Amino acid sequence: MENSKCTTTNITEVMQNWKDLYLELSDKINENLSDIRWIDLWHNQVNFLETEHPFPTPAVFLAFRSKAIDDVGNNVQNLTLQVDVYLYFETFSDTFRGSHNQESALDFLTNLNDIYALLQGSSGENYSNMRRTDIHPVDTGNAGNLYRQVFECVLMDYAACKIYDDTTATELIIDKQNNRYII
């Protein structure tokens, strides 16, 4: 995508930035995955449960970091972005084979699959080409299950772009004096 001119007309049609990406992904998860009860930005909340704002589970936390950045115009960058999707599921049920509450203890695996199915191959207003590149458990030291799915997507970042209004000149006089043009 080429854009070296940021005008009010074209910038609002293609604006993509981190805040809008977070809002779009949190809305997408909220609207499509009814089991998820909390969505937030990742701040390592699960390792500080006693001091953090309490949240219900299953909970999803989103984190963003750049993997590659290419300049494509004045103050416009094409980012390959890493999106970490943390799923936290607090349970005191047992996952061992034959446990009487194994099914409820393994519900988080269904949630993991649902998140993958929702995001894999998706595009939106603020990103394109979402694909999963990694998945792994994260040790928490408590009764909760924490898994991190790592996705990658492409985002055009216009946050540093100065926005100009399109205008039409009604009168323009060009006067050539001493081999210089004066407008």
N, C-alpha and C. Protein backbone atom coordinates (compact mmCIF):
# COMPACT_ATOMS: atom_id res chain seq x y z
N MET A 1 0.85 -1.17 0.00
CA MET A 1 0.00 0.00 0.00
C MET A 1 0.90 1.23 0.00
N GLU A 2 0.69 2.12 -0.93
CA GLU A 2 1.52 3.31 -1.03
C GLU A 2 0.72 4.49 -0.54
N ASN A 3 1.33 5.30 0.32
CA ASN A 3 0.68 6.51 0.79
C ASN A 3 1.73 7.47 1.26
N SER A 4 2.02 8.47 0.46
CA SER A 4 2.97 9.47 0.89
C SER A 4 2.27 10.77 1.21
N LYS A 5 0.98 10.86 0.95
CA LYS A 5 0.21 12.06 1.22
C LYS A 5 -0.91 11.71 2.20
N CYS A 6 -0.89 12.34 3.35
CA CYS A 6 -1.91 12.07 4.37
C CYS A 6 -2.92 13.21 4.35
N THR A 7 -4.06 12.97 3.75
CA THR A 7 -5.12 13.97 3.73
C THR A 7 -6.29 13.46 4.54
N THR A 8 -7.16 14.38 4.95
CA THR A 8 -8.32 13.97 5.73
C THR A 8 -9.15 12.97 4.95
N THR A 9 -9.19 13.12 3.64
CA THR A 9 -10.00 12.23 2.83
C THR A 9 -9.46 10.81 2.82
N ASN A 10 -8.16 10.64 2.57
CA ASN A 10 -7.66 9.27 2.44
C ASN A 10 -7.20 8.65 3.75
N ILE A 11 -6.81 9.43 4.74
CA ILE A 11 -6.28 8.85 5.97
C ILE A 11 -7.38 8.16 6.78
N THR A 12 -8.58 8.71 6.80
CA THR A 12 -9.64 8.09 7.59
C THR A 12 -10.14 6.80 6.95
N GLU A 13 -9.89 6.63 5.67
CA GLU A 13 -10.29 5.40 4.99
C GLU A 13 -9.34 4.25 5.28
N VAL A 14 -8.08 4.54 5.56
CA VAL A 14 -7.09 3.49 5.73
C VAL A 14 -6.39 3.54 7.08
N MET A 15 -6.85 4.37 8.00
CA MET A 15 -6.17 4.52 9.30
C MET A 15 -6.07 3.19 10.02
N GLN A 16 -4.86 2.84 10.40
CA GLN A 16 -4.62 1.65 11.20
C GLN A 16 -3.61 2.04 12.26
N ASN A 17 -3.90 1.71 13.51
CA ASN A 17 -2.95 1.95 14.57
C ASN A 17 -3.18 0.97 15.69
N TRP A 18 -2.32 0.98 16.69
CA TRP A 18 -2.32 -0.04 17.74
C TRP A 18 -3.58 0.03 18.59
N LYS A 19 -4.01 1.23 18.93
CA LYS A 19 -5.23 1.38 19.75
C LYS A 19 -6.43 0.80 19.02
N ASP A 20 -6.58 1.17 17.75
CA ASP A 20 -7.71 0.67 16.98
C ASP A 20 -7.62 -0.85 16.78
N LEU A 21 -6.40 -1.37 16.66
CA LEU A 21 -6.22 -2.82 16.53
C LEU A 21 -6.68 -3.52 17.81
N TYR A 22 -6.26 -3.01 18.95
CA TYR A 22 -6.69 -3.60 20.23
C TYR A 22 -8.22 -3.59 20.34
N LEU A 23 -8.83 -2.46 20.05
CA LEU A 23 -10.29 -2.36 20.15
C LEU A 23 -10.97 -3.32 19.17
N GLU A 24 -10.46 -3.42 17.95
CA GLU A 24 -11.06 -4.32 16.96
C GLU A 24 -10.94 -5.78 17.39
N LEU A 25 -9.76 -6.18 17.85
CA LEU A 25 -9.59 -7.58 18.26
C LEU A 25 -10.41 -7.90 19.51
N SER A 26 -10.46 -6.98 20.48
CA SER A 26 -11.25 -7.25 21.68
C SER A 26 -12.74 -7.33 21.34
N ASP A 27 -13.21 -6.47 20.44
CA ASP A 27 -14.61 -6.57 19.99
C ASP A 27 -14.87 -7.88 19.26
N LYS A 28 -13.95 -8.29 18.41
CA LYS A 28 -14.10 -9.53 17.64
C LYS A 28 -14.20 -10.73 18.59
N ILE A 29 -13.34 -10.78 19.60
CA ILE A 29 -13.37 -11.87 20.56
C ILE A 29 -14.67 -11.82 21.37
N ASN A 30 -15.02 -10.63 21.84
CA ASN A 30 -16.23 -10.47 22.66
C ASN A 30 -17.50 -10.87 21.91
N GLU A 31 -17.59 -10.50 20.64
CA GLU A 31 -18.79 -10.76 19.85
C GLU A 31 -18.90 -12.21 19.38
N ASN A 32 -17.78 -12.91 19.29
CA ASN A 32 -17.79 -14.26 18.71
C ASN A 32 -17.51 -15.39 19.69
N LEU A 33 -16.94 -15.09 20.84
CA LEU A 33 -16.58 -16.13 21.80
C LEU A 33 -17.25 -15.83 23.14
N SER A 34 -18.46 -16.30 23.29
CA SER A 34 -19.26 -15.97 24.47
C SER A 34 -18.71 -16.54 25.77
N ASP A 35 -17.87 -17.56 25.71
CA ASP A 35 -17.28 -18.12 26.93
C ASP A 35 -16.24 -17.19 27.56
N ILE A 36 -15.63 -16.33 26.76
CA ILE A 36 -14.60 -15.42 27.28
C ILE A 36 -15.29 -14.32 28.07
N ARG A 37 -14.88 -14.18 29.34
CA ARG A 37 -15.57 -13.26 30.25
C ARG A 37 -14.79 -11.98 30.53
N TRP A 38 -13.54 -11.89 30.06
CA TRP A 38 -12.72 -10.70 30.34
C TRP A 38 -11.70 -10.55 29.23
N ILE A 39 -11.54 -9.33 28.72
CA ILE A 39 -10.55 -9.03 27.69
C ILE A 39 -9.82 -7.77 28.12
N ASP A 40 -8.49 -7.82 28.06
CA ASP A 40 -7.69 -6.69 28.54
C ASP A 40 -6.33 -6.71 27.84
N LEU A 41 -5.60 -5.60 27.96
CA LEU A 41 -4.21 -5.59 27.53
C LEU A 41 -3.38 -6.38 28.54
N TRP A 42 -2.36 -7.06 28.07
CA TRP A 42 -1.51 -7.89 28.92
C TRP A 42 -0.54 -7.02 29.73
N HIS A 43 -0.60 -7.19 31.06
CA HIS A 43 0.35 -6.53 31.97
C HIS A 43 0.81 -7.53 33.02
N ASN A 44 0.88 -8.80 32.65
CA ASN A 44 1.30 -9.86 33.56
C ASN A 44 0.36 -9.98 34.76
N GLN A 45 -0.92 -9.72 34.54
CA GLN A 45 -1.91 -9.73 35.62
C GLN A 45 -1.97 -11.04 36.39
N VAL A 46 -1.79 -12.17 35.71
CA VAL A 46 -2.00 -13.46 36.36
C VAL A 46 -0.93 -13.79 37.38
N ASN A 47 0.19 -13.12 37.32
CA ASN A 47 1.23 -13.35 38.31
C ASN A 47 1.13 -12.41 39.52
N PHE A 48 0.13 -11.54 39.49
CA PHE A 48 -0.09 -10.60 40.59
C PHE A 48 -1.57 -10.55 40.95
N LEU A 49 -2.20 -11.72 41.06
CA LEU A 49 -3.64 -11.80 41.27
C LEU A 49 -4.10 -11.10 42.54
N GLU A 50 -3.28 -11.10 43.57
CA GLU A 50 -3.68 -10.49 44.84
C GLU A 50 -3.67 -8.97 44.79
N THR A 51 -2.90 -8.38 43.91
CA THR A 51 -2.81 -6.92 43.85
C THR A 51 -3.46 -6.34 42.60
N GLU A 52 -3.84 -7.16 41.64
CA GLU A 52 -4.46 -6.69 40.41
C GLU A 52 -5.97 -6.51 40.59
N HIS A 53 -6.55 -5.74 39.68
CA HIS A 53 -8.00 -5.63 39.61
C HIS A 53 -8.56 -7.03 39.37
N PRO A 54 -9.51 -7.49 40.19
CA PRO A 54 -10.03 -8.85 39.98
C PRO A 54 -10.73 -8.98 38.63
N PHE A 55 -10.59 -10.14 38.02
CA PHE A 55 -11.23 -10.37 36.73
C PHE A 55 -11.76 -11.81 36.70
N PRO A 56 -12.88 -12.01 35.99
CA PRO A 56 -13.43 -13.37 35.86
C PRO A 56 -12.67 -14.14 34.79
N THR A 57 -12.78 -15.46 34.85
CA THR A 57 -12.14 -16.29 33.82
C THR A 57 -13.21 -17.15 33.16
N PRO A 58 -12.96 -17.60 31.94
CA PRO A 58 -11.74 -17.44 31.17
C PRO A 58 -11.54 -15.99 30.72
N ALA A 59 -10.27 -15.59 30.73
CA ALA A 59 -9.89 -14.23 30.36
C ALA A 59 -8.88 -14.27 29.23
N VAL A 60 -8.96 -13.28 28.36
CA VAL A 60 -8.01 -13.13 27.26
C VAL A 60 -7.27 -11.81 27.46
N PHE A 61 -5.97 -11.87 27.29
CA PHE A 61 -5.12 -10.68 27.36
C PHE A 61 -4.36 -10.56 26.05
N LEU A 62 -4.27 -9.35 25.54
CA LEU A 62 -3.62 -9.10 24.26
C LEU A 62 -2.36 -8.25 24.46
N ALA A 63 -1.29 -8.61 23.77
CA ALA A 63 -0.05 -7.84 23.79
C ALA A 63 0.44 -7.69 22.36
N PHE A 64 1.09 -6.57 22.09
CA PHE A 64 1.56 -6.26 20.73
C PHE A 64 3.04 -5.89 20.76
N ARG A 65 3.77 -6.36 19.74
CA ARG A 65 5.17 -5.96 19.57
C ARG A 65 5.50 -6.06 18.09
N SER A 66 6.41 -5.22 17.66
CA SER A 66 6.78 -5.23 16.25
C SER A 66 7.83 -6.31 15.98
N LYS A 67 7.73 -6.91 14.81
CA LYS A 67 8.72 -7.88 14.36
C LYS A 67 9.55 -7.31 13.22
N ALA A 68 8.92 -6.49 12.39
CA ALA A 68 9.62 -5.83 11.28
C ALA A 68 8.90 -4.53 10.97
N ILE A 69 9.68 -3.51 10.63
CA ILE A 69 9.11 -2.20 10.31
C ILE A 69 9.74 -1.69 9.03
N ASP A 70 8.90 -1.31 8.06
CA ASP A 70 9.38 -0.76 6.80
C ASP A 70 8.70 0.58 6.56
N ASP A 71 9.50 1.61 6.25
CA ASP A 71 8.95 2.91 5.89
C ASP A 71 8.34 2.82 4.50
N VAL A 72 7.14 3.35 4.33
CA VAL A 72 6.49 3.32 3.02
C VAL A 72 6.13 4.71 2.53
N GLY A 73 6.41 5.71 3.29
CA GLY A 73 6.11 7.09 2.91
C GLY A 73 6.45 8.00 4.06
N ASN A 74 6.14 9.27 3.90
CA ASN A 74 6.39 10.23 4.96
C ASN A 74 5.57 9.87 6.19
N ASN A 75 6.26 9.44 7.25
CA ASN A 75 5.62 9.14 8.53
C ASN A 75 4.59 8.02 8.46
N VAL A 76 4.75 7.11 7.53
CA VAL A 76 3.87 5.95 7.41
C VAL A 76 4.75 4.71 7.39
N GLN A 77 4.38 3.72 8.21
CA GLN A 77 5.18 2.50 8.27
C GLN A 77 4.30 1.26 8.12
N ASN A 78 4.87 0.28 7.44
CA ASN A 78 4.24 -1.03 7.30
C ASN A 78 4.87 -1.92 8.38
N LEU A 79 4.06 -2.42 9.32
CA LEU A 79 4.57 -3.23 10.41
C LEU A 79 4.16 -4.68 10.26
N THR A 80 5.10 -5.58 10.47
CA THR A 80 4.76 -6.96 10.73
C THR A 80 4.69 -7.03 12.24
N LEU A 81 3.52 -7.31 12.74
CA LEU A 81 3.24 -7.18 14.17
C LEU A 81 3.02 -8.55 14.79
N GLN A 82 3.60 -8.75 15.95
CA GLN A 82 3.34 -9.96 16.74
C GLN A 82 2.20 -9.63 17.70
N VAL A 83 1.19 -10.48 17.69
CA VAL A 83 0.06 -10.33 18.60
C VAL A 83 0.05 -11.55 19.52
N ASP A 84 0.33 -11.31 20.80
CA ASP A 84 0.29 -12.39 21.78
C ASP A 84 -1.11 -12.43 22.39
N VAL A 85 -1.75 -13.59 22.30
CA VAL A 85 -3.08 -13.78 22.86
C VAL A 85 -2.95 -14.76 24.02
N TYR A 86 -3.05 -14.22 25.22
CA TYR A 86 -2.95 -15.05 26.43
C TYR A 86 -4.35 -15.47 26.85
N LEU A 87 -4.53 -16.75 27.10
CA LEU A 87 -5.80 -17.26 27.62
C LEU A 87 -5.54 -17.77 29.03
N TYR A 88 -6.24 -17.18 29.98
CA TYR A 88 -6.11 -17.60 31.38
C TYR A 88 -7.42 -18.22 31.82
N PHE A 89 -7.31 -19.42 32.37
CA PHE A 89 -8.48 -20.19 32.78
C PHE A 89 -8.20 -20.70 34.19
N GLU A 90 -8.89 -20.15 35.15
CA GLU A 90 -8.67 -20.56 36.54
C GLU A 90 -9.58 -21.73 36.88
N THR A 91 -8.98 -22.79 37.36
CA THR A 91 -9.77 -23.98 37.69
C THR A 91 -9.10 -24.75 38.82
N PHE A 92 -9.92 -25.35 39.63
CA PHE A 92 -9.42 -26.25 40.66
C PHE A 92 -9.81 -27.68 40.30
N SER A 93 -10.36 -27.85 39.10
CA SER A 93 -10.70 -29.18 38.60
C SER A 93 -9.43 -29.89 38.16
N ASP A 94 -9.53 -31.20 38.02
CA ASP A 94 -8.37 -32.01 37.67
C ASP A 94 -8.42 -32.44 36.21
N THR A 95 -7.27 -32.43 35.57
CA THR A 95 -7.21 -32.84 34.16
C THR A 95 -6.77 -34.28 33.99
N PHE A 96 -6.39 -34.96 35.07
CA PHE A 96 -5.88 -36.31 34.90
C PHE A 96 -6.97 -37.24 34.37
N ARG A 97 -6.55 -38.22 33.60
CA ARG A 97 -7.47 -39.17 32.96
C ARG A 97 -8.31 -39.86 34.01
N GLY A 98 -9.62 -39.80 33.82
CA GLY A 98 -10.55 -40.46 34.71
C GLY A 98 -11.06 -39.60 35.85
N SER A 99 -10.56 -38.37 35.99
CA SER A 99 -11.06 -37.52 37.08
C SER A 99 -12.53 -37.19 36.84
N HIS A 100 -13.29 -37.03 37.91
CA HIS A 100 -14.73 -36.82 37.77
C HIS A 100 -15.06 -35.45 37.18
N ASN A 101 -14.14 -34.50 37.24
CA ASN A 101 -14.41 -33.17 36.67
C ASN A 101 -13.44 -32.82 35.54
N GLN A 102 -12.94 -33.85 34.87
CA GLN A 102 -11.97 -33.64 33.80
C GLN A 102 -12.53 -32.78 32.67
N GLU A 103 -13.78 -33.00 32.30
CA GLU A 103 -14.36 -32.25 31.18
C GLU A 103 -14.34 -30.75 31.44
N SER A 104 -14.76 -30.32 32.63
CA SER A 104 -14.74 -28.88 32.92
C SER A 104 -13.31 -28.36 33.04
N ALA A 105 -12.39 -29.18 33.50
CA ALA A 105 -10.99 -28.77 33.61
C ALA A 105 -10.36 -28.56 32.24
N LEU A 106 -10.84 -29.26 31.24
CA LEU A 106 -10.27 -29.16 29.90
C LEU A 106 -11.00 -28.17 28.99
N ASP A 107 -11.96 -27.44 29.54
CA ASP A 107 -12.69 -26.45 28.75
C ASP A 107 -11.75 -25.41 28.12
N PHE A 108 -10.63 -25.14 28.79
CA PHE A 108 -9.72 -24.13 28.25
C PHE A 108 -9.16 -24.56 26.90
N LEU A 109 -9.05 -25.87 26.65
CA LEU A 109 -8.57 -26.32 25.34
C LEU A 109 -9.56 -25.96 24.24
N THR A 110 -10.84 -26.04 24.55
CA THR A 110 -11.86 -25.61 23.60
C THR A 110 -11.73 -24.11 23.35
N ASN A 111 -11.51 -23.34 24.42
CA ASN A 111 -11.31 -21.90 24.26
C ASN A 111 -10.09 -21.59 23.40
N LEU A 112 -9.01 -22.33 23.59
CA LEU A 112 -7.81 -22.14 22.75
C LEU A 112 -8.13 -22.38 21.28
N ASN A 113 -8.84 -23.47 21.01
CA ASN A 113 -9.22 -23.78 19.62
C ASN A 113 -10.12 -22.71 19.04
N ASP A 114 -11.06 -22.21 19.84
CA ASP A 114 -11.99 -21.18 19.37
C ASP A 114 -11.25 -19.88 19.02
N ILE A 115 -10.29 -19.50 19.84
CA ILE A 115 -9.50 -18.29 19.56
C ILE A 115 -8.73 -18.47 18.26
N TYR A 116 -8.09 -19.63 18.11
CA TYR A 116 -7.34 -19.92 16.89
C TYR A 116 -8.27 -19.84 15.66
N ALA A 117 -9.41 -20.51 15.74
CA ALA A 117 -10.35 -20.53 14.60
C ALA A 117 -10.84 -19.13 14.25
N LEU A 118 -11.01 -18.28 15.26
CA LEU A 118 -11.51 -16.92 15.03
C LEU A 118 -10.45 -16.04 14.36
N LEU A 119 -9.21 -16.15 14.79
CA LEU A 119 -8.18 -15.22 14.32
C LEU A 119 -7.38 -15.71 13.12
N GLN A 120 -7.16 -17.01 13.01
CA GLN A 120 -6.33 -17.54 11.93
C GLN A 120 -6.89 -17.17 10.56
N GLY A 121 -6.05 -16.55 9.73
CA GLY A 121 -6.46 -16.19 8.37
C GLY A 121 -7.36 -14.98 8.30
N SER A 122 -7.60 -14.33 9.42
CA SER A 122 -8.53 -13.19 9.41
C SER A 122 -7.83 -11.90 9.03
N SER A 123 -8.64 -10.95 8.59
CA SER A 123 -8.22 -9.57 8.33
C SER A 123 -9.31 -8.68 8.85
N GLY A 124 -8.98 -7.44 9.10
CA GLY A 124 -9.98 -6.51 9.61
C GLY A 124 -9.72 -5.11 9.11
N GLU A 125 -10.34 -4.15 9.74
CA GLU A 125 -10.15 -2.75 9.38
C GLU A 125 -8.74 -2.28 9.72
N ASN A 126 -8.12 -2.88 10.74
CA ASN A 126 -6.84 -2.39 11.24
C ASN A 126 -5.69 -3.38 11.11
N TYR A 127 -5.90 -4.47 10.41
CA TYR A 127 -4.85 -5.46 10.23
C TYR A 127 -5.20 -6.37 9.06
N SER A 128 -4.21 -7.12 8.61
CA SER A 128 -4.46 -8.13 7.57
C SER A 128 -3.53 -9.31 7.79
N ASN A 129 -3.87 -10.42 7.17
CA ASN A 129 -3.03 -11.63 7.13
C ASN A 129 -2.67 -12.19 8.51
N MET A 130 -3.64 -12.29 9.41
CA MET A 130 -3.37 -12.86 10.74
C MET A 130 -3.08 -14.35 10.61
N ARG A 131 -1.97 -14.79 11.22
CA ARG A 131 -1.64 -16.21 11.21
C ARG A 131 -0.91 -16.58 12.50
N ARG A 132 -1.20 -17.78 13.01
CA ARG A 132 -0.56 -18.22 14.24
C ARG A 132 0.83 -18.76 13.94
N THR A 133 1.80 -18.40 14.78
CA THR A 133 3.17 -18.85 14.60
C THR A 133 3.69 -19.67 15.78
N ASP A 134 2.97 -19.67 16.91
CA ASP A 134 3.44 -20.39 18.08
C ASP A 134 2.29 -20.55 19.07
N ILE A 135 2.38 -21.58 19.90
CA ILE A 135 1.45 -21.78 21.01
C ILE A 135 2.20 -22.54 22.09
N HIS A 136 2.05 -22.10 23.34
CA HIS A 136 2.71 -22.80 24.43
C HIS A 136 2.13 -22.39 25.78
N PRO A 137 2.27 -23.28 26.78
CA PRO A 137 1.82 -22.95 28.12
C PRO A 137 2.80 -21.99 28.79
N VAL A 138 2.29 -21.22 29.75
CA VAL A 138 3.11 -20.31 30.53
C VAL A 138 2.90 -20.68 32.00
N ASP A 139 3.98 -20.91 32.72
CA ASP A 139 3.88 -21.25 34.14
C ASP A 139 3.39 -20.05 34.93
N THR A 140 2.41 -20.30 35.82
CA THR A 140 1.87 -19.23 36.65
C THR A 140 2.13 -19.44 38.13
N GLY A 141 2.36 -20.66 38.53
CA GLY A 141 2.57 -20.93 39.94
C GLY A 141 1.28 -20.94 40.75
N ASN A 142 0.14 -20.90 40.06
CA ASN A 142 -1.14 -20.96 40.77
C ASN A 142 -2.05 -21.98 40.09
N ALA A 143 -3.31 -22.00 40.49
CA ALA A 143 -4.24 -23.01 39.98
C ALA A 143 -4.75 -22.71 38.58
N GLY A 144 -4.30 -21.64 37.98
CA GLY A 144 -4.79 -21.28 36.66
C GLY A 144 -3.95 -21.86 35.54
N ASN A 145 -4.60 -22.05 34.42
CA ASN A 145 -3.93 -22.46 33.19
C ASN A 145 -3.73 -21.20 32.34
N LEU A 146 -2.51 -20.97 31.90
CA LEU A 146 -2.21 -19.83 31.05
C LEU A 146 -1.52 -20.34 29.79
N TYR A 147 -2.14 -20.06 28.65
CA TYR A 147 -1.54 -20.42 27.36
C TYR A 147 -1.37 -19.15 26.55
N ARG A 148 -0.28 -19.14 25.80
CA ARG A 148 0.01 -18.00 24.92
C ARG A 148 0.02 -18.49 23.48
N GLN A 149 -0.88 -17.91 22.68
CA GLN A 149 -0.87 -18.16 21.25
C GLN A 149 -0.26 -16.91 20.61
N VAL A 150 0.73 -17.12 19.76
CA VAL A 150 1.40 -16.01 19.11
C VAL A 150 0.93 -15.95 17.66
N PHE A 151 0.40 -14.79 17.30
CA PHE A 151 -0.04 -14.54 15.94
C PHE A 151 0.83 -13.46 15.33
N GLU A 152 0.79 -13.40 14.02
CA GLU A 152 1.51 -12.37 13.28
C GLU A 152 0.52 -11.76 12.30
N CYS A 153 0.57 -10.44 12.15
CA CYS A 153 -0.29 -9.77 11.17
C CYS A 153 0.43 -8.57 10.61
N VAL A 154 -0.18 -7.92 9.64
CA VAL A 154 0.39 -6.74 9.00
C VAL A 154 -0.50 -5.55 9.34
N LEU A 155 0.16 -4.44 9.66
CA LEU A 155 -0.56 -3.22 10.04
C LEU A 155 0.15 -2.04 9.40
N MET A 156 -0.62 -1.12 8.84
CA MET A 156 -0.07 0.14 8.35
C MET A 156 -0.24 1.16 9.46
N ASP A 157 0.86 1.70 9.96
CA ASP A 157 0.81 2.63 11.08
C ASP A 157 0.91 4.07 10.57
N TYR A 158 -0.19 4.80 10.72
CA TYR A 158 -0.27 6.19 10.29
C TYR A 158 -0.20 7.16 11.47
N ALA A 159 0.16 6.67 12.65
CA ALA A 159 0.09 7.49 13.85
C ALA A 159 0.95 8.76 13.77
N ALA A 160 2.07 8.74 13.05
CA ALA A 160 2.95 9.90 12.96
C ALA A 160 2.63 10.80 11.78
N CYS A 161 1.65 10.44 11.02
CA CYS A 161 1.31 11.17 9.80
C CYS A 161 0.57 12.47 10.14
N LYS A 162 1.06 13.58 9.60
CA LYS A 162 0.33 14.83 9.76
C LYS A 162 -0.83 14.83 8.77
N ILE A 163 -1.98 15.20 9.24
CA ILE A 163 -3.17 15.16 8.39
C ILE A 163 -3.43 16.53 7.80
N TYR A 164 -3.57 16.58 6.49
CA TYR A 164 -3.84 17.81 5.77
C TYR A 164 -5.21 17.72 5.12
N ASP A 165 -5.89 18.86 5.06
CA ASP A 165 -7.19 18.92 4.37
C ASP A 165 -6.95 19.10 2.89
N ASP A 166 -7.73 18.36 2.08
CA ASP A 166 -7.70 18.58 0.64
C ASP A 166 -8.29 19.95 0.36
N THR A 167 -7.70 20.66 -0.57
CA THR A 167 -8.24 21.97 -0.94
C THR A 167 -8.03 22.16 -2.43
N THR A 168 -8.83 23.02 -2.99
CA THR A 168 -8.72 23.34 -4.41
C THR A 168 -8.41 24.82 -4.52
N ALA A 169 -7.36 25.13 -5.25
CA ALA A 169 -7.00 26.53 -5.47
C ALA A 169 -7.95 27.11 -6.49
N THR A 170 -8.55 28.26 -6.15
CA THR A 170 -9.50 28.87 -7.07
C THR A 170 -8.81 29.77 -8.08
N GLU A 171 -7.77 30.47 -7.65
CA GLU A 171 -7.01 31.32 -8.57
C GLU A 171 -5.54 31.06 -8.36
N LEU A 172 -4.85 30.81 -9.43
CA LEU A 172 -3.43 30.56 -9.36
C LEU A 172 -2.78 31.30 -10.51
N ILE A 173 -1.87 32.20 -10.17
CA ILE A 173 -1.17 32.98 -11.20
C ILE A 173 0.31 32.63 -11.11
N ILE A 174 0.87 32.25 -12.23
CA ILE A 174 2.29 31.94 -12.29
C ILE A 174 2.96 33.03 -13.11
N ASP A 175 3.95 33.67 -12.50
CA ASP A 175 4.64 34.78 -13.14
C ASP A 175 6.11 34.43 -13.24
N LYS A 176 6.63 34.43 -14.44
CA LYS A 176 8.05 34.11 -14.65
C LYS A 176 8.83 35.42 -14.69
N GLN A 177 9.70 35.59 -13.67
CA GLN A 177 10.54 36.79 -13.61
C GLN A 177 11.97 36.36 -13.38
N ASN A 178 12.85 36.83 -14.19
CA ASN A 178 14.29 36.54 -14.07
C ASN A 178 14.55 35.04 -13.98
N ASN A 179 13.92 34.29 -14.84
CA ASN A 179 14.08 32.82 -14.89
C ASN A 179 13.70 32.12 -13.59
N ARG A 180 12.84 32.75 -12.76
CA ARG A 180 12.32 32.11 -11.57
C ARG A 180 10.81 32.19 -11.62
N TYR A 181 10.17 31.19 -11.11
CA TYR A 181 8.72 31.18 -11.10
C TYR A 181 8.23 31.68 -9.75
N ILE A 182 7.26 32.55 -9.76
CA ILE A 182 6.65 33.08 -8.54
C ILE A 182 5.19 32.71 -8.58
N ILE A 183 4.74 32.09 -7.50
CA ILE A 183 3.33 31.71 -7.44
C ILE A 183 2.61 32.61 -6.47
